[in-house]
Amino acid sequence: MTVIVKKIGGSVGVVIPKAVAQEMELSEGTALHISGGPDHIVMRKEGRRRRNRRPLSKLLKQISPAAYKRHNRTFSSEPAVGKEIG
């Protein structure tokens, strides 16, 4: 979708199409954080920060079978049943 930058007073602005505003749940007064570089602009709703995601392999390395034994838990060697099967 292409939009045109327009002069508004001493600034420039972009009109966000209605369909995009509805999809993003934007309304008048919604605060947006704007960042970018020489060839791109990114707008995000204020207050919605993305968490840094850690790879599953790093999380799994932190699991210690010994810790499960201390808490009277065990890794099950029984076959999977029900909805836990992929």
C-alpha atoms as a PDB file:
ATOM      1  CA  MET A   1       0.000   0.000   0.000  1.00  0.00           C
ATOM      2  CA  THR A   2       1.391   3.395  -0.948  1.00  0.00           C
ATOM      3  CA  VAL A   3       0.568   6.638   0.842  1.00  0.00           C
ATOM      4  CA  ILE A   4       1.770  10.175   0.109  1.00  0.00           C
ATOM      5  CA  VAL A   5       3.604  12.379   2.612  1.00  0.00           C
ATOM      6  CA  LYS A   6       1.805  15.730   2.941  1.00  0.00           C
ATOM      7  CA  LYS A   7       2.881  19.061   4.380  1.00  0.00           C
ATOM      8  CA  ILE A   8       0.976  19.929   7.556  1.00  0.00           C
ATOM      9  CA  GLY A   9       2.056  23.299   8.960  1.00  0.00           C
ATOM     10  CA  GLY A  10       5.808  23.150   9.532  1.00  0.00           C
ATOM     11  CA  SER A  11       5.805  19.351   9.578  1.00  0.00           C
ATOM     12  CA  VAL A  12       4.951  16.520   7.226  1.00  0.00           C
ATOM     13  CA  GLY A  13       2.399  13.796   7.850  1.00  0.00           C
ATOM     14  CA  VAL A  14       0.986  10.560   6.504  1.00  0.00           C
ATOM     15  CA  VAL A  15      -2.687   9.610   6.553  1.00  0.00           C
ATOM     16  CA  ILE A  16      -3.167   6.043   7.784  1.00  0.00           C
ATOM     17  CA  PRO A  17      -5.847   4.330   5.679  1.00  0.00           C
ATOM     18  CA  LYS A  18      -9.020   3.288   7.524  1.00  0.00           C
ATOM     19  CA  ALA A  19      -8.481  -0.438   6.904  1.00  0.00           C
ATOM     20  CA  VAL A  20      -4.990  -0.299   8.419  1.00  0.00           C
ATOM     21  CA  ALA A  21      -6.196   1.781  11.377  1.00  0.00           C
ATOM     22  CA  GLN A  22      -8.962  -0.738  12.098  1.00  0.00           C
ATOM     23  CA  GLU A  23      -6.595  -3.703  11.809  1.00  0.00           C
ATOM     24  CA  MET A  24      -4.110  -2.072  14.186  1.00  0.00           C
ATOM     25  CA  GLU A  25      -6.882  -0.822  16.504  1.00  0.00           C
ATOM     26  CA  LEU A  26      -5.778   2.800  16.065  1.00  0.00           C
ATOM     27  CA  SER A  27      -8.096   5.662  16.905  1.00  0.00           C
ATOM     28  CA  GLU A  28      -7.753   9.395  17.379  1.00  0.00           C
ATOM     29  CA  GLY A  29      -5.386  10.040  20.268  1.00  0.00           C
ATOM     30  CA  THR A  30      -3.507   6.726  20.053  1.00  0.00           C
ATOM     31  CA  ALA A  31       0.166   7.311  20.928  1.00  0.00           C
ATOM     32  CA  LEU A  32       2.675   5.943  18.423  1.00  0.00           C
ATOM     33  CA  HIS A  33       6.433   5.565  18.833  1.00  0.00           C
ATOM     34  CA  ILE A  34       8.235   6.431  15.581  1.00  0.00           C
ATOM     35  CA  SER A  35      11.757   5.290  14.702  1.00  0.00           C
ATOM     36  CA  GLY A  36      13.607   4.588  11.515  1.00  0.00           C
ATOM     37  CA  GLY A  37      16.617   5.094   9.338  1.00  0.00           C
ATOM     38  CA  PRO A  38      17.539   6.646   5.994  1.00  0.00           C
ATOM     39  CA  ASP A  39      15.224   4.330   4.023  1.00  0.00           C
ATOM     40  CA  HIS A  40      12.558   3.147   6.490  1.00  0.00           C
ATOM     41  CA  ILE A  41      10.109   4.276   9.170  1.00  0.00           C
ATOM     42  CA  VAL A  42       8.661   2.089  11.933  1.00  0.00           C
ATOM     43  CA  MET A  43       5.600   3.081  13.961  1.00  0.00           C
ATOM     44  CA  ARG A  44       4.529   1.112  17.049  1.00  0.00           C
ATOM     45  CA  LYS A  45       1.830   1.677  19.627  1.00  0.00           C
ATOM     46  CA  GLU A  46       3.258   3.142  22.826  1.00  0.00           C
ATOM     47  CA  GLY A  47       3.394   0.795  25.778  1.00  0.00           C
ATOM     48  CA  ARG A  48       3.599  -2.367  23.697  1.00  0.00           C
ATOM     49  CA  ARG A  49       7.182  -3.463  24.011  1.00  0.00           C
ATOM     50  CA  ARG A  50       8.436  -6.670  22.467  1.00  0.00           C
ATOM     51  CA  ARG A  51      10.239  -9.047  24.755  1.00  0.00           C
ATOM     52  CA  ASN A  52      13.558 -10.410  23.642  1.00  0.00           C
ATOM     53  CA  ARG A  53      13.029 -14.056  22.845  1.00  0.00           C
ATOM     54  CA  ARG A  54      15.553 -16.654  23.914  1.00  0.00           C
ATOM     55  CA  PRO A  55      16.118 -19.703  21.720  1.00  0.00           C
ATOM     56  CA  LEU A  56      14.503 -22.882  23.008  1.00  0.00           C
ATOM     57  CA  SER A  57      17.873 -24.630  22.966  1.00  0.00           C
ATOM     58  CA  LYS A  58      19.208 -22.156  25.585  1.00  0.00           C
ATOM     59  CA  LEU A  59      16.151 -22.637  27.785  1.00  0.00           C
ATOM     60  CA  LEU A  60      16.461 -26.420  27.608  1.00  0.00           C
ATOM     61  CA  LYS A  61      20.124 -26.264  28.628  1.00  0.00           C
ATOM     62  CA  GLN A  62      19.029 -24.589  31.870  1.00  0.00           C
ATOM     63  CA  ILE A  63      16.889 -27.580  32.876  1.00  0.00           C
ATOM     64  CA  SER A  64      18.684 -29.864  35.289  1.00  0.00           C
ATOM     65  CA  PRO A  65      17.393 -33.417  35.810  1.00  0.00           C
ATOM     66  CA  ALA A  66      18.880 -33.237  39.317  1.00  0.00           C
ATOM     67  CA  ALA A  67      16.543 -30.343  40.160  1.00  0.00           C
ATOM     68  CA  TYR A  68      13.557 -32.482  39.231  1.00  0.00           C
ATOM     69  CA  LYS A  69      14.750 -35.246  41.527  1.00  0.00           C
ATOM     70  CA  ARG A  70      15.121 -32.787  44.445  1.00  0.00           C
ATOM     71  CA  HIS A  71      11.471 -31.806  44.016  1.00  0.00           C
ATOM     72  CA  ASN A  72      10.263 -35.407  43.674  1.00  0.00           C
ATOM     73  CA  ARG A  73       9.567 -34.934  39.988  1.00  0.00           C
ATOM     74  CA  THR A  74      10.693 -37.164  37.183  1.00  0.00           C
ATOM     75  CA  PHE A  75      10.930 -36.952  33.440  1.00  0.00           C
ATOM     76  CA  SER A  76       8.321 -39.325  32.095  1.00  0.00           C
ATOM     77  CA  SER A  77       9.542 -42.181  29.950  1.00  0.00           C
ATOM     78  CA  GLU A  78       5.987 -43.298  29.245  1.00  0.00           C
ATOM     79  CA  PRO A  79       4.627 -42.843  25.710  1.00  0.00           C
ATOM     80  CA  ALA A  80       2.740 -39.597  25.051  1.00  0.00           C
ATOM     81  CA  VAL A  81      -1.047 -39.740  25.110  1.00  0.00           C
ATOM     82  CA  GLY A  82      -3.776 -37.229  24.308  1.00  0.00           C
ATOM     83  CA  LYS A  83      -3.143 -33.705  23.068  1.00  0.00           C
ATOM     84  CA  GLU A  84       0.536 -33.472  24.026  1.00  0.00           C
ATOM     85  CA  ILE A  85       1.398 -35.357  20.839  1.00  0.00           C
ATOM     86  CA  GLY A  86       2.547 -32.667  18.346  1.00  0.00           C
END
